[in-house]
C-alpha cells in the first residue's frame, strides 16, 4: 500500500529550500525598503530652498511670498537662510515704499524706507542684491 502524504515528513533538502526561500524574501524586503528610502532622499527637496531659487532667478515677488509663507515677518529666525529672508524683507518694504510714494502717502513711505534700511543692513553678504531691487523699482514709473 501507498503511504499517505500526511504521514510523510519533508526531506532535509525541502526544509533547506524553504528556509532559503524565506531568507531570500526577507532580504528582498530589506533591499526594497532601502531602495524606497534612497529614492525618497534623492527626490526630497529642502523646503527652504525655494527662497534661494527665487533669489537666483531674480523673482523678488516670489521671495516676498515665501517670506510671508514661512512667517519670517512674525518670528525672524537665525540660520543659513537668514540673509535671504532679509533680502525678501527688503524687497517687500521696497515694493510697499514704491506703492505709498505713488499713492502720495509720505508717512507710510517714510516708514517703509526705514524698514528698507534696516533690512539692507541685516542682509550681510547679500546686500548687493538690494541694488538690483532698487534698479527694478526705478524702471517702474510713478503715476500721480
N, C-alpha and C. Protein backbone atom coordinates (compact mmCIF):
# COMPACT_ATOMS: atom_id res chain seq x y z
N UNK A 1 0.81 -1.16 0.00
CA UNK A 1 0.00 0.00 0.00
C UNK A 1 0.87 1.24 0.00
N UNK A 2 0.19 2.24 -0.45
CA UNK A 2 0.89 3.53 -0.51
C UNK A 2 0.77 4.27 0.80
N UNK A 3 1.80 5.00 1.12
CA UNK A 3 1.75 5.83 2.33
C UNK A 3 0.98 7.10 2.03
N UNK A 4 0.27 7.57 3.00
CA UNK A 4 -0.45 8.82 2.83
C UNK A 4 0.53 9.97 2.89
N UNK A 5 0.23 11.05 2.15
CA UNK A 5 1.10 12.23 2.11
C UNK A 5 1.21 12.89 3.48
N UNK A 6 0.21 12.85 4.29
CA UNK A 6 0.24 13.50 5.59
C UNK A 6 1.25 12.83 6.52
N UNK A 7 1.51 11.58 6.28
CA UNK A 7 2.45 10.86 7.12
C UNK A 7 3.89 11.14 6.74
N UNK A 8 4.09 11.67 5.54
CA UNK A 8 5.45 11.90 5.09
C UNK A 8 6.00 13.18 5.71
N UNK A 9 7.24 13.13 6.12
CA UNK A 9 7.91 14.33 6.62
C UNK A 9 8.78 14.87 5.50
N UNK A 10 8.89 16.22 5.46
CA UNK A 10 9.70 16.77 4.37
C UNK A 10 11.17 16.39 4.53
N UNK A 11 11.80 16.24 3.43
CA UNK A 11 13.21 15.86 3.46
C UNK A 11 14.07 17.05 3.88
N UNK A 12 15.31 16.79 4.18
CA UNK A 12 16.22 17.86 4.59
C UNK A 12 16.40 18.86 3.46
N UNK A 13 16.40 18.43 2.26
CA UNK A 13 16.55 19.32 1.11
C UNK A 13 15.35 20.26 1.01
N UNK A 14 14.17 19.76 1.22
CA UNK A 14 12.97 20.58 1.15
C UNK A 14 12.96 21.61 2.28
N UNK A 15 13.39 21.19 3.47
CA UNK A 15 13.46 22.13 4.59
C UNK A 15 14.49 23.23 4.30
N UNK A 16 15.63 22.84 3.77
CA UNK A 16 16.67 23.81 3.43
C UNK A 16 16.18 24.81 2.38
N UNK A 17 15.50 24.31 1.38
CA UNK A 17 14.97 25.19 0.33
C UNK A 17 13.90 26.13 0.89
N UNK A 18 13.09 25.67 1.80
CA UNK A 18 12.07 26.52 2.41
C UNK A 18 12.72 27.63 3.23
N UNK A 19 13.72 27.28 4.00
CA UNK A 19 14.43 28.27 4.81
C UNK A 19 15.12 29.29 3.89
N UNK A 20 15.75 28.83 2.83
CA UNK A 20 16.40 29.72 1.89
C UNK A 20 15.39 30.66 1.21
N UNK A 21 14.24 30.15 0.86
CA UNK A 21 13.21 30.98 0.22
C UNK A 21 12.72 32.07 1.18
N UNK A 22 12.50 31.71 2.43
CA UNK A 22 12.06 32.70 3.42
C UNK A 22 13.16 33.73 3.65
N UNK A 23 14.40 33.28 3.76
CA UNK A 23 15.53 34.19 3.94
C UNK A 23 15.66 35.15 2.76
N UNK A 24 15.52 34.63 1.55
CA UNK A 24 15.60 35.48 0.36
C UNK A 24 14.45 36.50 0.34
N UNK A 25 13.27 36.10 0.76
CA UNK A 25 12.14 37.03 0.81
C UNK A 25 12.40 38.15 1.81
N UNK A 26 12.97 37.82 2.96
CA UNK A 26 13.29 38.84 3.96
C UNK A 26 14.36 39.78 3.43
N UNK A 27 15.39 39.23 2.80
CA UNK A 27 16.44 40.07 2.23
C UNK A 27 15.88 40.99 1.14
N UNK A 28 15.00 40.47 0.32
CA UNK A 28 14.38 41.30 -0.73
C UNK A 28 13.56 42.43 -0.13
N UNK A 29 12.84 42.16 0.95
CA UNK A 29 12.07 43.21 1.61
C UNK A 29 12.99 44.29 2.19
N UNK A 30 14.11 43.87 2.75
CA UNK A 30 15.07 44.84 3.30
C UNK A 30 15.62 45.72 2.17
N UNK A 31 16.02 45.10 1.06
CA UNK A 31 16.54 45.87 -0.07
C UNK A 31 15.48 46.78 -0.68
N UNK A 32 14.25 46.32 -0.72
CA UNK A 32 13.15 47.16 -1.25
C UNK A 32 12.96 48.39 -0.35
N UNK A 33 13.00 48.16 0.96
CA UNK A 33 12.86 49.29 1.89
C UNK A 33 14.00 50.28 1.74
N UNK A 34 15.22 49.79 1.60
CA UNK A 34 16.38 50.68 1.41
C UNK A 34 16.28 51.44 0.09
N UNK A 35 15.79 50.77 -0.95
CA UNK A 35 15.66 51.42 -2.25
C UNK A 35 14.62 52.53 -2.20
N UNK A 36 13.51 52.28 -1.56
CA UNK A 36 12.46 53.30 -1.43
C UNK A 36 12.97 54.48 -0.61
N UNK A 37 13.67 54.21 0.49
CA UNK A 37 14.17 55.31 1.30
C UNK A 37 15.23 56.12 0.54
N UNK A 38 16.04 55.47 -0.27
CA UNK A 38 17.05 56.18 -1.06
C UNK A 38 16.38 57.05 -2.13
N UNK A 39 15.35 56.52 -2.77
CA UNK A 39 14.61 57.32 -3.75
C UNK A 39 13.94 58.52 -3.09
N UNK A 40 13.41 58.32 -1.91
CA UNK A 40 12.79 59.42 -1.18
C UNK A 40 13.83 60.49 -0.84
N UNK A 41 15.01 60.05 -0.42
CA UNK A 41 16.07 61.00 -0.07
C UNK A 41 16.54 61.78 -1.29
N UNK A 42 16.66 61.11 -2.43
CA UNK A 42 17.15 61.76 -3.64
C UNK A 42 16.15 62.79 -4.16
N UNK A 43 14.87 62.45 -4.13
CA UNK A 43 13.88 63.34 -4.72
C UNK A 43 13.25 64.31 -3.73
N UNK A 44 13.54 64.17 -2.44
CA UNK A 44 13.03 65.13 -1.45
C UNK A 44 13.85 66.41 -1.58
N UNK A 45 13.20 67.54 -1.45
CA UNK A 45 13.93 68.79 -1.56
C UNK A 45 13.81 69.57 -0.26
N UNK A 46 14.78 70.41 -0.08
CA UNK A 46 14.80 71.27 1.10
C UNK A 46 13.66 72.27 0.97
N UNK A 47 12.73 72.30 1.91
CA UNK A 47 11.61 73.24 1.77
C UNK A 47 12.05 74.70 1.82
N UNK A 48 13.23 74.96 2.35
CA UNK A 48 13.70 76.33 2.42
C UNK A 48 14.51 76.74 1.20
N UNK A 49 14.70 75.80 0.26
CA UNK A 49 15.48 76.13 -0.93
C UNK A 49 14.67 76.97 -1.91
N UNK A 50 13.38 77.11 -1.69
CA UNK A 50 12.54 77.89 -2.60
C UNK A 50 13.01 79.34 -2.63
N UNK A 51 13.28 79.91 -1.50
CA UNK A 51 13.70 81.31 -1.46
C UNK A 51 15.07 81.48 -2.11
N UNK A 52 15.94 80.49 -1.98
CA UNK A 52 17.24 80.53 -2.65
C UNK A 52 17.05 80.48 -4.17
N UNK A 53 16.16 79.63 -4.63
CA UNK A 53 15.88 79.54 -6.06
C UNK A 53 15.30 80.86 -6.58
N UNK A 54 14.36 81.43 -5.84
CA UNK A 54 13.78 82.73 -6.25
C UNK A 54 14.85 83.81 -6.31
N UNK A 55 15.78 83.79 -5.37
CA UNK A 55 16.87 84.76 -5.36
C UNK A 55 17.75 84.60 -6.60
N UNK A 56 18.08 83.37 -6.94
CA UNK A 56 18.91 83.11 -8.11
C UNK A 56 18.21 83.53 -9.40
N UNK A 57 16.89 83.36 -9.45
CA UNK A 57 16.14 83.70 -10.65
C UNK A 57 15.76 85.18 -10.71
N UNK A 58 15.98 85.90 -9.63
CA UNK A 58 15.58 87.31 -9.58
C UNK A 58 14.09 87.48 -9.40
N UNK A 59 13.44 86.47 -8.87
CA UNK A 59 11.99 86.51 -8.62
C UNK A 59 11.76 87.06 -7.22
N UNK A 60 11.83 88.39 -7.10
CA UNK A 60 11.73 89.01 -5.79
C UNK A 60 10.32 88.94 -5.23
N UNK A 61 9.32 88.92 -6.10
CA UNK A 61 7.95 88.76 -5.62
C UNK A 61 7.76 87.36 -5.03
N UNK A 62 8.37 86.36 -5.63
CA UNK A 62 8.32 85.01 -5.08
C UNK A 62 9.00 84.93 -3.74
N UNK A 63 10.09 85.70 -3.58
CA UNK A 63 10.78 85.74 -2.29
C UNK A 63 9.88 86.34 -1.22
N UNK A 64 9.15 87.39 -1.59
CA UNK A 64 8.25 88.03 -0.62
C UNK A 64 7.15 87.05 -0.23
N UNK A 65 6.63 86.31 -1.19
CA UNK A 65 5.60 85.31 -0.89
C UNK A 65 6.13 84.28 0.09
N UNK A 66 7.34 83.79 -0.15
CA UNK A 66 7.94 82.80 0.75
C UNK A 66 8.25 83.41 2.11
N UNK A 67 8.61 84.67 2.12
CA UNK A 67 8.88 85.42 3.36
C UNK A 67 7.65 85.38 4.26
N UNK A 68 6.48 85.63 3.69
CA UNK A 68 5.25 85.58 4.48
C UNK A 68 4.80 84.15 4.75
N UNK A 69 5.03 83.26 3.80
CA UNK A 69 4.63 81.87 3.97
C UNK A 69 5.37 81.21 5.14
N UNK A 70 6.64 81.51 5.28
CA UNK A 70 7.44 80.94 6.37
C UNK A 70 7.28 81.68 7.68
N UNK A 71 6.56 82.80 7.68
CA UNK A 71 6.30 83.53 8.92
C UNK A 71 7.49 84.32 9.41
N UNK A 72 8.43 84.65 8.53
CA UNK A 72 9.61 85.41 8.95
C UNK A 72 9.22 86.80 9.42
N UNK A 73 8.13 87.35 8.89
CA UNK A 73 7.69 88.69 9.30
C UNK A 73 7.21 88.68 10.74
N UNK A 74 6.74 87.54 11.23
CA UNK A 74 6.23 87.44 12.59
C UNK A 74 7.33 87.02 13.56
N UNK A 75 8.12 86.03 13.17
CA UNK A 75 9.15 85.50 14.06
C UNK A 75 10.43 85.26 13.28
N UNK A 76 11.26 86.29 13.10
CA UNK A 76 12.54 86.08 12.39
C UNK A 76 13.39 85.04 13.09
N UNK A 77 14.12 84.27 12.31
CA UNK A 77 14.97 83.22 12.86
C UNK A 77 16.39 83.42 12.37
N UNK A 78 17.32 82.84 13.07
CA UNK A 78 18.70 82.89 12.62
C UNK A 78 19.04 81.54 12.00
N UNK A 79 19.88 81.58 11.01
CA UNK A 79 20.26 80.34 10.36
C UNK A 79 20.89 80.62 9.01
N UNK A 80 21.00 79.56 8.23
CA UNK A 80 21.65 79.63 6.94
C UNK A 80 20.91 80.56 5.99
N UNK A 81 19.61 80.56 6.03
CA UNK A 81 18.79 81.33 5.09
C UNK A 81 18.43 82.73 5.60
N UNK A 82 18.96 83.13 6.70
CA UNK A 82 18.56 84.39 7.32
C UNK A 82 18.79 85.59 6.41
N UNK A 83 19.95 85.66 5.76
CA UNK A 83 20.24 86.80 4.89
C UNK A 83 19.28 86.85 3.70
N UNK A 84 18.91 85.68 3.19
CA UNK A 84 17.97 85.63 2.08
C UNK A 84 16.61 86.18 2.51
N UNK A 85 16.21 85.87 3.73
CA UNK A 85 14.93 86.39 4.22
C UNK A 85 14.99 87.90 4.44
N UNK A 86 16.15 88.41 4.81
CA UNK A 86 16.27 89.86 4.94
C UNK A 86 16.20 90.54 3.57
N UNK A 87 16.70 89.87 2.54
CA UNK A 87 16.55 90.40 1.18
C UNK A 87 15.07 90.40 0.80
N UNK A 88 14.36 89.35 1.15
CA UNK A 88 12.91 89.31 0.88
C UNK A 88 12.20 90.41 1.67
N UNK A 89 12.62 90.65 2.90
CA UNK A 89 12.04 91.73 3.69
C UNK A 89 12.32 93.07 3.03
N UNK A 90 13.54 93.24 2.51
CA UNK A 90 13.88 94.48 1.82
C UNK A 90 12.99 94.65 0.58
N UNK A 91 12.83 93.57 -0.19
CA UNK A 91 12.00 93.65 -1.39
C UNK A 91 10.56 94.01 -1.04
N UNK A 92 10.04 93.40 0.02
CA UNK A 92 8.67 93.70 0.44
C UNK A 92 8.54 95.17 0.83
N UNK A 93 9.48 95.66 1.63
CA UNK A 93 9.43 97.07 2.05
C UNK A 93 9.61 98.00 0.85
N UNK A 94 10.48 97.61 -0.09
CA UNK A 94 10.71 98.45 -1.27
C UNK A 94 9.46 98.51 -2.15
N UNK A 95 8.79 97.38 -2.33
CA UNK A 95 7.55 97.37 -3.13
C UNK A 95 6.50 98.26 -2.47
N UNK A 96 6.37 98.12 -1.15
CA UNK A 96 5.36 98.92 -0.46
C UNK A 96 5.75 100.39 -0.42
N UNK A 97 7.03 100.69 -0.33
CA UNK A 97 7.51 102.07 -0.37
C UNK A 97 7.15 102.70 -1.72
N UNK A 98 7.38 101.95 -2.78
CA UNK A 98 7.06 102.44 -4.13
C UNK A 98 5.55 102.70 -4.25
N UNK A 99 4.75 101.79 -3.71
CA UNK A 99 3.30 101.95 -3.78
C UNK A 99 2.85 103.19 -2.99
N UNK A 100 3.39 103.37 -1.80
CA UNK A 100 2.99 104.51 -0.97
C UNK A 100 3.44 105.83 -1.60
N UNK A 101 4.59 105.84 -2.25
CA UNK A 101 5.02 107.04 -2.95
C UNK A 101 4.06 107.36 -4.09
N UNK A 102 3.66 106.34 -4.83
CA UNK A 102 2.74 106.55 -5.95
C UNK A 102 1.38 107.03 -5.44
N UNK A 103 0.99 106.55 -4.27
CA UNK A 103 -0.30 106.94 -3.70
C UNK A 103 -0.24 108.29 -3.01
N UNK A 104 0.97 108.81 -2.79
CA UNK A 104 1.13 110.11 -2.14
C UNK A 104 1.11 110.04 -0.63
N UNK A 105 1.26 108.88 -0.06
CA UNK A 105 1.26 108.70 1.39
C UNK A 105 2.71 108.76 1.88
N UNK A 106 3.17 109.96 2.19
CA UNK A 106 4.58 110.16 2.55
C UNK A 106 4.92 109.56 3.91
N UNK A 107 3.96 109.55 4.83
CA UNK A 107 4.22 109.00 6.17
C UNK A 107 4.51 107.50 6.07
N UNK A 108 3.66 106.77 5.37
CA UNK A 108 3.87 105.33 5.20
C UNK A 108 5.12 105.07 4.37
N UNK A 109 5.37 105.90 3.36
CA UNK A 109 6.57 105.73 2.54
C UNK A 109 7.83 105.89 3.40
N UNK A 110 7.82 106.82 4.33
CA UNK A 110 8.95 107.00 5.24
C UNK A 110 9.14 105.79 6.14
N UNK A 111 8.03 105.22 6.61
CA UNK A 111 8.10 104.02 7.45
C UNK A 111 8.74 102.87 6.68
N UNK A 112 8.32 102.68 5.43
CA UNK A 112 8.87 101.59 4.62
C UNK A 112 10.31 101.86 4.23
N UNK A 113 10.69 103.14 4.08
CA UNK A 113 12.09 103.47 3.80
C UNK A 113 12.98 103.07 4.98
N UNK A 114 12.49 103.26 6.20
CA UNK A 114 13.23 102.83 7.39
C UNK A 114 13.36 101.31 7.43
N UNK A 115 12.28 100.63 7.10
CA UNK A 115 12.32 99.16 7.06
C UNK A 115 13.31 98.68 6.01
N UNK A 116 13.37 99.37 4.88
CA UNK A 116 14.31 99.01 3.82
C UNK A 116 15.74 99.12 4.33
N UNK A 117 16.03 100.19 5.03
CA UNK A 117 17.40 100.41 5.52
C UNK A 117 17.79 99.36 6.56
N UNK A 118 16.87 99.04 7.47
CA UNK A 118 17.17 98.01 8.48
C UNK A 118 17.42 96.65 7.81
N UNK A 119 16.60 96.32 6.81
CA UNK A 119 16.76 95.04 6.12
C UNK A 119 18.05 95.03 5.31
N UNK A 120 18.42 96.16 4.72
CA UNK A 120 19.67 96.24 3.94
C UNK A 120 20.86 95.98 4.86
N UNK A 121 20.85 96.57 6.04
CA UNK A 121 21.96 96.39 6.98
C UNK A 121 22.03 94.95 7.49
N UNK A 122 20.89 94.31 7.65
CA UNK A 122 20.85 92.94 8.17
C UNK A 122 21.12 91.89 7.09
N UNK A 123 21.10 92.29 5.82
CA UNK A 123 21.24 91.30 4.75
C UNK A 123 22.66 90.82 4.54
N UNK A 124 23.62 91.44 5.19
CA UNK A 124 25.00 90.93 5.19
C UNK A 124 25.62 90.85 3.81
N UNK A 125 26.09 89.66 3.46
CA UNK A 125 26.81 89.47 2.20
C UNK A 125 25.91 89.60 0.97
N UNK A 126 24.61 89.56 1.15
CA UNK A 126 23.69 89.68 0.03
C UNK A 126 23.19 91.11 -0.18
N UNK A 127 23.81 92.07 0.48
CA UNK A 127 23.36 93.46 0.39
C UNK A 127 23.42 94.00 -1.03
N UNK A 128 24.28 93.44 -1.87
CA UNK A 128 24.38 93.90 -3.26
C UNK A 128 23.09 93.63 -4.03
N UNK A 129 22.32 92.66 -3.61
CA UNK A 129 21.06 92.33 -4.28
C UNK A 129 20.06 93.47 -4.11
N UNK A 130 20.18 94.22 -3.03
CA UNK A 130 19.24 95.33 -2.82
C UNK A 130 19.38 96.36 -3.94
N UNK A 131 20.56 96.49 -4.51
CA UNK A 131 20.75 97.38 -5.65
C UNK A 131 19.95 96.92 -6.86
N UNK A 132 19.88 95.60 -7.06
CA UNK A 132 19.07 95.05 -8.17
C UNK A 132 17.59 95.38 -7.96
N UNK A 133 17.14 95.26 -6.73
CA UNK A 133 15.74 95.56 -6.43
C UNK A 133 15.47 97.04 -6.66
N UNK A 134 16.40 97.90 -6.24
CA UNK A 134 16.23 99.34 -6.46
C UNK A 134 16.18 99.67 -7.95
N UNK A 135 17.06 99.04 -8.74
CA UNK A 135 17.05 99.29 -10.20
C UNK A 135 15.75 98.81 -10.82
N UNK A 136 15.25 97.70 -10.33
CA UNK A 136 13.98 97.17 -10.84
C UNK A 136 12.85 98.15 -10.56
N UNK A 137 12.82 98.69 -9.36
CA UNK A 137 11.74 99.62 -9.00
C UNK A 137 11.90 100.98 -9.67
N UNK A 138 13.13 101.39 -9.99
CA UNK A 138 13.33 102.65 -10.70
C UNK A 138 12.78 102.59 -12.12
N UNK A 139 12.74 101.39 -12.68
CA UNK A 139 12.22 101.25 -14.04
C UNK A 139 10.69 101.34 -14.09
N UNK A 140 10.04 101.29 -12.93
CA UNK A 140 8.58 101.40 -12.86
C UNK A 140 8.23 102.87 -12.65
N UNK A 141 7.51 103.46 -13.58
CA UNK A 141 7.20 104.90 -13.42
C UNK A 141 6.14 105.12 -12.33
N UNK A 142 6.28 106.24 -11.64
CA UNK A 142 5.29 106.64 -10.63
C UNK A 142 4.22 107.49 -11.31
N UNK A 143 3.00 107.09 -11.17
CA UNK A 143 1.89 107.86 -11.74
C UNK A 143 1.18 108.60 -10.61
N UNK A 144 1.12 109.90 -10.69
CA UNK A 144 0.45 110.67 -9.61
C UNK A 144 -1.06 110.49 -9.62
